Protein backbone atom coordinates (compact mmCIF):
# COMPACT_ATOMS: atom_id res chain seq x y z
CA UNK A 1 11.58 36.07 253.91
CA UNK A 2 12.91 37.13 257.35
CA UNK A 3 9.69 35.92 259.02
CA UNK A 4 10.09 32.53 257.32
CA UNK A 5 13.67 32.27 258.60
CA UNK A 6 12.60 33.15 262.16
CA UNK A 7 9.87 30.51 262.13
CA UNK A 8 12.28 27.91 260.78
CA UNK A 9 14.88 28.74 263.42
CA UNK A 10 12.33 28.37 266.21
CA UNK A 11 11.07 25.06 264.86
CA UNK A 12 14.60 23.74 264.39
CA UNK A 13 15.73 24.94 267.80
CA UNK A 14 12.93 23.26 269.77
CA UNK A 15 14.21 19.65 269.63
CA UNK A 16 17.80 20.82 269.97
CA UNK A 17 17.21 22.83 273.13
CA UNK A 18 15.62 19.78 274.75
CA UNK A 19 19.00 18.07 274.44
CA UNK A 20 20.99 21.00 275.88
CA UNK A 21 22.63 18.78 278.46
CA UNK A 22 24.56 17.00 275.71
CA UNK A 23 25.85 20.19 274.08
CA UNK A 24 29.08 20.65 275.98
CA UNK A 25 30.51 17.37 274.72
CA UNK A 26 29.70 18.35 271.11
CA UNK A 27 31.64 21.65 271.08
CA UNK A 28 35.16 21.44 269.68
CA UNK A 29 37.14 24.71 269.74
CA UNK A 30 40.27 24.83 267.59
CA UNK A 31 43.00 27.14 266.37
CA UNK A 32 45.25 26.91 263.31
CA UNK A 33 48.35 28.75 262.13
CA UNK A 34 49.08 28.99 258.40
CA UNK A 35 52.09 30.37 256.57
CA UNK A 36 51.31 30.99 252.89
CA UNK A 37 53.68 31.90 250.09
CA UNK A 38 51.96 33.15 246.90
CA UNK A 39 54.04 34.17 243.87
CA UNK A 40 51.21 36.07 242.10
CA UNK A 41 48.79 37.46 244.66
CA UNK A 42 46.82 39.52 242.09
CA UNK A 43 46.72 36.88 239.31
CA UNK A 44 48.40 39.30 236.90
CA UNK A 45 49.88 38.23 233.54
CA UNK A 46 52.95 40.46 234.05
CA UNK A 47 54.57 42.41 236.89
CA UNK A 48 53.68 39.62 239.29
CA UNK A 49 53.77 40.43 243.00
CA UNK A 50 54.67 37.76 245.53
CA UNK A 51 54.10 37.82 249.27
CA UNK A 52 54.19 35.81 252.48
CA UNK A 53 50.85 35.71 254.32
CA UNK A 54 50.44 34.59 257.93
CA UNK A 55 46.94 33.46 258.92
CA UNK A 56 45.81 32.74 262.49
CA UNK A 57 42.39 31.05 262.62
CA UNK A 58 40.58 30.42 265.92
CA UNK A 59 37.31 28.57 265.41
CA UNK A 60 34.68 26.24 266.79
CA UNK A 61 32.90 23.16 265.51
CA UNK A 62 29.62 21.71 266.80
CA UNK A 63 27.39 18.83 265.72
CA UNK A 64 24.58 16.87 267.30
CA UNK A 65 23.12 15.75 263.96
CA UNK A 66 20.90 12.68 264.19
CA UNK A 67 18.73 10.83 261.70
CA UNK A 68 15.67 13.06 262.16
CA UNK A 69 16.95 16.25 263.75
CA UNK A 70 20.05 18.15 264.71
CA UNK A 71 22.39 21.05 264.08
CA UNK A 72 25.91 21.14 262.67
CA UNK A 73 28.01 24.26 262.30
CA UNK A 74 31.61 25.32 261.89
CA UNK A 75 33.02 28.83 262.19
CA UNK A 76 36.48 30.34 262.14
CA UNK A 77 37.84 33.88 262.13
CA UNK A 78 41.17 34.55 260.43
CA UNK A 79 43.74 37.29 261.01
CA UNK A 80 45.51 37.63 257.64
CA UNK A 81 48.88 39.40 257.74
CA UNK A 82 50.71 40.33 254.48
CA UNK A 83 54.41 40.80 255.14
CA UNK A 84 55.20 42.98 252.08
CA UNK A 85 51.83 44.62 251.33
CA UNK A 86 50.61 45.35 254.83
CA UNK A 87 47.81 47.55 253.47
CA UNK A 88 46.15 44.28 252.36
CA UNK A 89 45.84 42.95 255.94
CA UNK A 90 42.27 41.94 256.76
CA UNK A 91 40.01 39.71 258.88
CA UNK A 92 38.47 36.68 257.18
CA UNK A 93 35.42 34.64 258.19
CA UNK A 94 34.30 31.14 257.22
CA UNK A 95 31.03 29.72 258.53
CA UNK A 96 28.70 26.87 257.64
CA UNK A 97 25.40 25.96 259.29
CA UNK A 98 23.17 22.94 258.66
CA UNK A 99 20.00 22.08 260.59
CA UNK A 100 17.04 19.78 260.12
CA UNK A 101 13.87 18.76 261.92
CA UNK A 102 11.67 15.97 260.60
CA UNK A 103 8.40 16.12 262.54
CA UNK A 104 5.98 13.32 263.39
CA UNK A 105 3.29 15.18 261.39
CA UNK A 106 5.36 14.65 258.20
CA UNK A 107 6.35 18.31 257.89
CA UNK A 108 10.11 18.58 257.54
CA UNK A 109 12.25 21.68 257.95
CA UNK A 110 15.80 22.28 256.75
CA UNK A 111 18.09 25.28 256.97
CA UNK A 112 21.53 25.74 255.39
CA UNK A 113 23.80 28.76 255.44
CA UNK A 114 27.30 29.49 254.14
CA UNK A 115 29.16 32.70 254.93
CA UNK A 116 32.61 33.61 253.59
CA UNK A 117 34.69 36.78 253.91
CA UNK A 118 37.87 36.58 251.86
CA UNK A 119 40.16 38.33 249.39
CA UNK A 120 41.13 35.23 247.38
CA UNK A 121 40.86 36.11 243.65
CA UNK A 122 39.57 32.58 242.89
CA UNK A 123 36.32 31.68 244.63
CA UNK A 124 34.99 28.20 245.31
CA UNK A 125 31.80 26.98 243.66
CA UNK A 126 29.17 26.47 246.34
CA UNK A 127 25.82 25.97 244.60
CA UNK A 128 26.30 23.72 241.55
CA UNK A 129 24.60 20.33 242.03
CA UNK A 130 27.70 18.49 240.79
CA UNK A 131 30.14 20.56 242.81
CA UNK A 132 33.31 18.79 243.99
CA UNK A 133 35.97 20.10 246.40
CA UNK A 134 38.25 21.61 243.74
CA UNK A 135 35.52 23.33 241.68
CA UNK A 136 35.80 27.12 241.31
CA UNK A 137 33.61 29.72 239.61
CA UNK A 138 34.93 31.13 236.34
CA UNK A 139 35.07 34.76 237.49
CA UNK A 140 38.27 36.00 239.13
CA UNK A 141 39.57 39.34 240.35
CA UNK A 142 42.95 40.72 239.27
CA UNK A 143 43.59 42.73 242.42
CA UNK A 144 43.18 41.71 246.03
CA UNK A 145 39.90 43.16 247.30
CA UNK A 146 37.90 41.91 250.26
CA UNK A 147 34.49 40.43 249.52
CA UNK A 148 31.86 38.50 251.41
CA UNK A 149 29.27 35.98 250.31
CA UNK A 150 26.27 34.67 252.23
CA UNK A 151 24.11 31.83 250.90
CA UNK A 152 20.94 31.11 252.88
CA UNK A 153 18.70 28.16 251.94
CA UNK A 154 15.59 27.34 254.02
CA UNK A 155 13.35 24.46 252.93
CA UNK A 156 9.90 23.32 254.07
CA UNK A 157 8.39 20.08 252.79
CA UNK A 158 5.46 17.80 253.44
CA UNK A 159 6.22 14.09 253.12
CA UNK A 160 3.15 12.04 252.21
CA UNK A 161 4.91 8.77 251.35
CA UNK A 162 8.24 7.03 251.87
CA UNK A 163 9.79 9.17 249.13
CA UNK A 164 6.79 11.29 248.10
CA UNK A 165 6.93 14.96 248.99
CA UNK A 166 6.00 18.48 248.04
CA UNK A 167 7.83 21.50 249.31
CA UNK A 168 9.32 24.93 248.88
CA UNK A 169 12.95 26.05 248.88
CA UNK A 170 13.98 29.70 249.02
CA UNK A 171 17.63 30.56 248.41
CA UNK A 172 19.32 33.92 248.78
CA UNK A 173 22.81 34.29 247.34
CA UNK A 174 24.33 37.63 248.35
CA UNK A 175 27.81 38.77 247.26
CA UNK A 176 29.51 42.10 247.94
CA UNK A 177 33.00 43.23 246.96
CA UNK A 178 34.71 46.30 248.42
CA UNK A 179 35.94 47.15 244.91
CA UNK A 180 33.30 49.66 243.67
CA UNK A 181 33.71 48.46 240.07
CA UNK A 182 32.36 45.08 241.22
CA UNK A 183 29.92 46.14 243.95
CA UNK A 184 27.08 43.95 245.12
CA UNK A 185 25.34 41.06 243.37
CA UNK A 186 22.20 39.44 244.82
CA UNK A 187 20.05 36.61 243.58
CA UNK A 188 16.86 35.19 245.11
CA UNK A 189 15.30 31.92 244.00
CA UNK A 190 11.85 30.69 245.02
CA UNK A 191 11.51 27.02 244.12
CA UNK A 192 8.47 24.82 244.73
CA UNK A 193 9.19 21.13 244.07
CA UNK A 194 7.59 17.69 244.21
CA UNK A 195 8.52 14.00 244.03
CA UNK A 196 6.00 11.17 243.57
CA UNK A 197 6.64 7.46 243.11
CA UNK A 198 3.98 5.58 241.18
CA UNK A 199 5.34 2.33 242.60
CA UNK A 200 8.67 1.08 243.93
CA UNK A 201 10.35 1.46 240.53
CA UNK A 202 8.81 4.42 238.69
CA UNK A 203 8.84 7.99 239.91
CA UNK A 204 8.43 11.54 238.68
CA UNK A 205 9.87 14.72 240.15
CA UNK A 206 9.95 18.35 239.20
CA UNK A 207 10.90 21.84 240.26
CA UNK A 208 10.08 25.37 239.20
CA UNK A 209 12.29 28.30 240.16
CA UNK A 210 11.56 31.99 239.92
CA UNK A 211 14.82 33.97 239.89
CA UNK A 212 15.45 37.62 240.61
CA UNK A 213 18.99 38.96 240.21
CA UNK A 214 19.94 42.47 241.35
CA UNK A 215 23.44 43.42 240.13
CA UNK A 216 25.25 46.72 240.73
CA UNK A 217 27.38 46.83 237.58
CA UNK A 218 25.66 44.54 235.07
CA UNK A 219 22.04 44.24 233.88
CA UNK A 220 19.55 42.92 236.43
CA UNK A 221 18.17 39.46 235.73
CA UNK A 222 14.72 37.91 235.93
CA UNK A 223 14.38 34.24 235.10
CA UNK A 224 12.57 30.96 235.44
CA UNK A 225 13.85 27.39 235.57
CA UNK A 226 11.62 24.41 234.73
CA UNK A 227 12.81 20.86 235.46
CA UNK A 228 10.86 17.61 235.06
CA UNK A 229 12.33 14.11 235.50
CA UNK A 230 11.06 10.55 235.13
CA UNK A 231 13.12 7.87 236.95
CA UNK A 232 13.02 4.09 236.60
CA UNK A 233 14.76 1.85 239.13
CA UNK A 234 15.19 -1.28 237.10
CA UNK A 235 17.61 -2.81 239.61
CA UNK A 236 18.22 -2.34 243.32
CA UNK A 237 21.47 -0.42 242.72
CA UNK A 238 20.70 1.10 239.31
CA UNK A 239 18.29 3.77 238.12
CA UNK A 240 17.84 5.49 234.77
CA UNK A 241 16.15 8.81 234.10
CA UNK A 242 14.88 11.13 231.40
CA UNK A 243 14.93 14.84 232.21
CA UNK A 244 13.92 18.06 230.54
CA UNK A 245 15.24 21.49 231.57
CA UNK A 246 14.08 24.89 230.31
CA UNK A 247 15.78 28.15 231.34
CA UNK A 248 14.31 31.58 230.64
CA UNK A 249 16.54 34.64 231.16
CA UNK A 250 15.35 38.26 230.78
CA UNK A 251 17.68 41.21 231.44
CA UNK A 252 17.08 44.83 232.34
CA UNK A 253 17.44 46.99 229.22
CA UNK A 254 18.15 50.26 231.04
CA UNK A 255 21.94 49.94 230.81
CA UNK A 256 23.91 51.23 227.83
CA UNK A 257 25.22 47.73 227.04
CA UNK A 258 22.41 45.35 227.97
CA UNK A 259 22.65 41.59 227.71
CA UNK A 260 20.52 39.73 225.21
CA UNK A 261 17.60 37.75 226.59
CA UNK A 262 17.81 34.03 225.98
CA UNK A 263 16.08 30.69 226.55
CA UNK A 264 17.80 27.32 226.93
CA UNK A 265 16.20 23.94 226.17
CA UNK A 266 18.09 20.89 227.44
CA UNK A 267 16.67 17.34 227.21
CA UNK A 268 18.91 14.60 228.63
CA UNK A 269 19.02 10.97 229.74
CA UNK A 270 21.16 9.46 232.46
CA UNK A 271 21.91 6.50 234.65
CA UNK A 272 23.05 6.18 238.29
CA UNK A 273 24.69 3.02 239.56
CA UNK A 274 26.10 1.94 242.93
CA UNK A 275 28.98 -0.43 242.22
CA UNK A 276 29.39 -1.14 245.92
CA UNK A 277 28.57 0.31 249.32
CA UNK A 278 31.26 2.97 248.84
CA UNK A 279 31.60 3.38 245.04
CA UNK A 280 28.95 5.06 242.86
CA UNK A 281 28.81 6.53 239.37
CA UNK A 282 26.67 8.66 237.08
CA UNK A 283 26.55 8.98 233.30
CA UNK A 284 24.39 11.58 231.52
CA UNK A 285 24.13 12.79 227.93
CA UNK A 286 21.92 15.43 226.36
CA UNK A 287 21.73 18.33 223.95
CA UNK A 288 20.96 22.00 224.49
CA UNK A 289 19.69 24.83 222.33
CA UNK A 290 20.23 28.43 223.37
CA UNK A 291 17.72 30.68 221.64
CA UNK A 292 19.07 34.23 221.96
CA UNK A 293 16.92 37.29 221.28
CA UNK A 294 17.93 38.95 217.99
CA UNK A 295 20.84 36.55 217.78
CA UNK A 296 21.83 33.11 216.58
CA UNK A 297 20.61 29.82 218.04
CA UNK A 298 23.55 28.03 219.64
CA UNK A 299 23.49 24.30 220.24
CA UNK A 300 25.88 21.70 221.61
CA UNK A 301 25.88 18.34 223.38
CA UNK A 302 25.79 18.22 227.17
CA UNK A 303 27.39 15.45 229.18
CA UNK A 304 28.28 14.42 232.70
CA UNK A 305 30.29 11.42 233.85
CA UNK A 306 31.32 11.02 237.48
CA UNK A 307 32.76 8.35 239.73
CA UNK A 308 32.83 8.77 243.52
CA UNK A 309 34.30 6.55 246.22
CA UNK A 310 33.96 7.26 249.94
CA UNK A 311 35.36 4.90 252.54
CA UNK A 312 37.37 5.15 255.74
CA UNK A 313 40.77 5.24 254.02
CA UNK A 314 40.19 6.50 250.48
CA UNK A 315 37.95 9.19 249.02
CA UNK A 316 38.09 10.17 245.37
CA UNK A 317 35.98 11.85 242.72
CA UNK A 318 36.38 12.07 238.94
CA UNK A 319 33.98 14.40 237.11
CA UNK A 320 33.85 15.08 233.37
CA UNK A 321 31.29 17.72 232.49
CA UNK A 322 30.37 19.79 229.46
CA UNK A 323 27.73 21.84 227.74
CA UNK A 324 27.00 25.26 229.22
CA UNK A 325 27.67 27.19 232.41
CA UNK A 326 25.99 30.30 233.85
CA UNK A 327 28.29 32.64 235.77
CA UNK A 328 26.14 35.10 237.76
CA UNK A 329 26.42 36.58 241.28
CA UNK A 330 30.22 36.61 240.92
CA UNK A 331 32.96 39.20 240.63
CA UNK A 332 32.65 39.43 236.82
CA UNK A 333 29.15 38.09 236.03
CA UNK A 334 30.45 36.46 232.85
CA UNK A 335 27.01 35.10 231.93
CA UNK A 336 26.20 32.20 229.63
CA UNK A 337 29.29 30.24 228.60
CA UNK A 338 30.03 27.13 226.56
CA UNK A 339 31.99 25.01 228.97
CA UNK A 340 33.96 21.78 229.37
CA UNK A 341 35.86 20.58 232.42
CA UNK A 342 37.58 17.61 234.01
CA UNK A 343 37.96 17.62 237.79
CA UNK A 344 39.83 14.98 239.77
CA UNK A 345 40.34 14.81 243.54
CA UNK A 346 41.59 12.06 245.84
CA UNK A 347 42.49 11.69 249.51
CA UNK A 348 44.08 8.59 251.00
CA UNK A 349 45.04 7.82 254.59
CA UNK A 350 48.35 5.99 254.42
CA UNK A 351 48.08 4.90 258.02
CA UNK A 352 46.25 6.00 261.12
CA UNK A 353 48.08 9.32 261.43
CA UNK A 354 49.06 10.32 257.89
CA UNK A 355 47.16 11.28 254.72
CA UNK A 356 47.98 12.46 251.20
CA UNK A 357 45.67 14.24 248.76
CA UNK A 358 45.79 15.20 245.10
CA UNK A 359 43.47 17.29 242.93
CA UNK A 360 43.54 18.50 239.34
CA UNK A 361 41.42 20.57 236.96
CA UNK A 362 41.34 21.06 233.19
CA UNK A 363 38.70 23.50 231.90
CA UNK A 364 37.77 25.28 228.69
CA UNK A 365 35.37 28.25 228.65
CA UNK A 366 34.04 29.96 225.52
CA UNK A 367 32.25 33.22 226.39
CA UNK A 368 29.68 35.15 224.35
CA UNK A 369 32.07 38.11 223.80
CA UNK A 370 34.56 36.04 221.73
CA UNK A 371 36.85 35.49 224.72
CA UNK A 372 37.91 31.93 225.46
CA UNK A 373 40.08 30.53 228.26
CA UNK A 374 41.98 27.33 228.92
CA UNK A 375 42.34 26.82 232.68
CA UNK A 376 44.34 24.06 234.33
CA UNK A 377 46.15 23.30 237.54
CA UNK A 378 46.61 20.96 240.45
CA UNK A 379 47.05 20.62 244.20
CA UNK A 380 49.09 18.19 246.29
CA UNK A 381 49.00 17.96 250.09
CA UNK A 382 50.32 15.78 252.89
CA UNK A 383 49.18 15.84 256.50
CA UNK A 384 50.21 14.17 259.76
CA UNK A 385 48.44 13.83 263.11
CA UNK A 386 51.24 14.57 265.56
CA UNK A 387 49.00 14.01 268.56
CA UNK A 388 45.32 13.24 269.01
CA UNK A 389 44.67 16.99 269.23
CA UNK A 390 47.49 18.34 267.04
CA UNK A 391 48.01 18.00 263.25
CA UNK A 392 50.20 19.56 260.57
CA UNK A 393 50.06 19.72 256.76
CA UNK A 394 51.86 21.07 253.69
CA UNK A 395 49.93 22.06 250.55
CA UNK A 396 51.18 23.08 247.10
CA UNK A 397 48.88 24.55 244.41
CA UNK A 398 49.59 25.52 240.80
CA UNK A 399 47.02 27.28 238.58
CA UNK A 400 47.31 28.60 235.03
CA UNK A 401 44.93 30.40 232.68
CA UNK A 402 45.71 30.86 229.00
CA UNK A 403 43.28 33.27 227.30
CA UNK A 404 43.04 34.68 223.80
CA UNK A 405 42.92 38.05 225.61
CA UNK A 406 46.39 38.41 227.10
CA UNK A 407 45.20 40.56 230.01
CA UNK A 408 43.33 37.53 231.36
CA UNK A 409 46.38 35.25 231.43
CA UNK A 410 47.94 34.26 234.75
CA UNK A 411 50.13 31.67 236.43
CA UNK A 412 50.01 31.25 240.20
CA UNK A 413 51.87 29.04 242.69
CA UNK A 414 51.09 28.72 246.38
CA UNK A 415 52.68 26.82 249.24
CA UNK A 416 50.80 26.56 252.55
CA UNK A 417 52.32 25.28 255.81
CA UNK A 418 49.64 24.68 258.45
CA UNK A 419 49.43 23.44 262.02
CA UNK A 420 46.12 22.93 263.85
CA UNK A 421 45.15 22.19 267.46
CA UNK A 422 41.63 21.04 268.38
CA UNK A 423 40.01 20.31 271.72
CA UNK A 424 38.14 16.97 271.54
């Protein structure tokens, strides 16, 4: 794996280094100052602790991304100061890296990496294919403990037609929490894939993934994913598809309380449509069966409906999703869950210097251990560009979880005042 990463880095760096003279104009250092008030820093149902948190974040942004090659990355380091619980002070990190090189010999190379060091009890969802900005994993922590996550995804592909390709993606998702009861969770996926278009309208694609999960405090996981899709483009802006998904999950039986092995079978049909240059939508319906070893067969409909608009002034997304969710490589490793959620986010620039944004979530999770949660909340923010290089914003967030297990209840409110300076 490390050898593959080194080779990819060298290949990706070659065309970039040849353009080194342009680099200085692409670097944008910045620094931000945040003042956060949180009225329930540990997400506790009772005996809630509030605190003021000051965060100073110096960082740097770089991008020379072009159509066929380039690098884009962003990194910031944060000094987090708690004014009442000073023993919680820590240094945070946020980094993202994206590189690509599409060669003249039709071999293409891609490399993505995300690194986060934080103590936020709610963690963003990074890997789901339908992820939107206000999507979070189900697992939370009930005490502030520092954790880090690194997600590394190299891809190599050979393109033998306009959209025809075969390739291999390897992803490593590594999570470690300083709380010893949570420990370290690691998952590696090796995923060969292909896409082949029979003509301009009809195409088939597929992917196989071998999964190995190594978890400190829950049973280790070995699994396979099988996905096969047929797509028909019956109009220039519209395509329909039929897809079959099979998941196989096998758990280590050495622990006292092992998980049950299970398979999931999920056929579905869907349609994608571009209403305009900026507005697109997707509608998908299906049905899944979860065949659990020495247990019942669970079944339910699956569905996905989304609408996304991206233009210079207004960006919004509405996603309605349901069926099942797998929560692994997280603080709780909650496992297979029946799941429904509605996510809404919007950002609008009122005029050249000012923007407003809104986001909301409504989610229902039904776990295999008879626990079920109703989760809902929202965020509102307003920002203003004071100068070309200086901006300020105010953000308010409310989150609530109502569980049939009272210990998992919480209500949390946050207000964030932020000012940011960037060198352009």
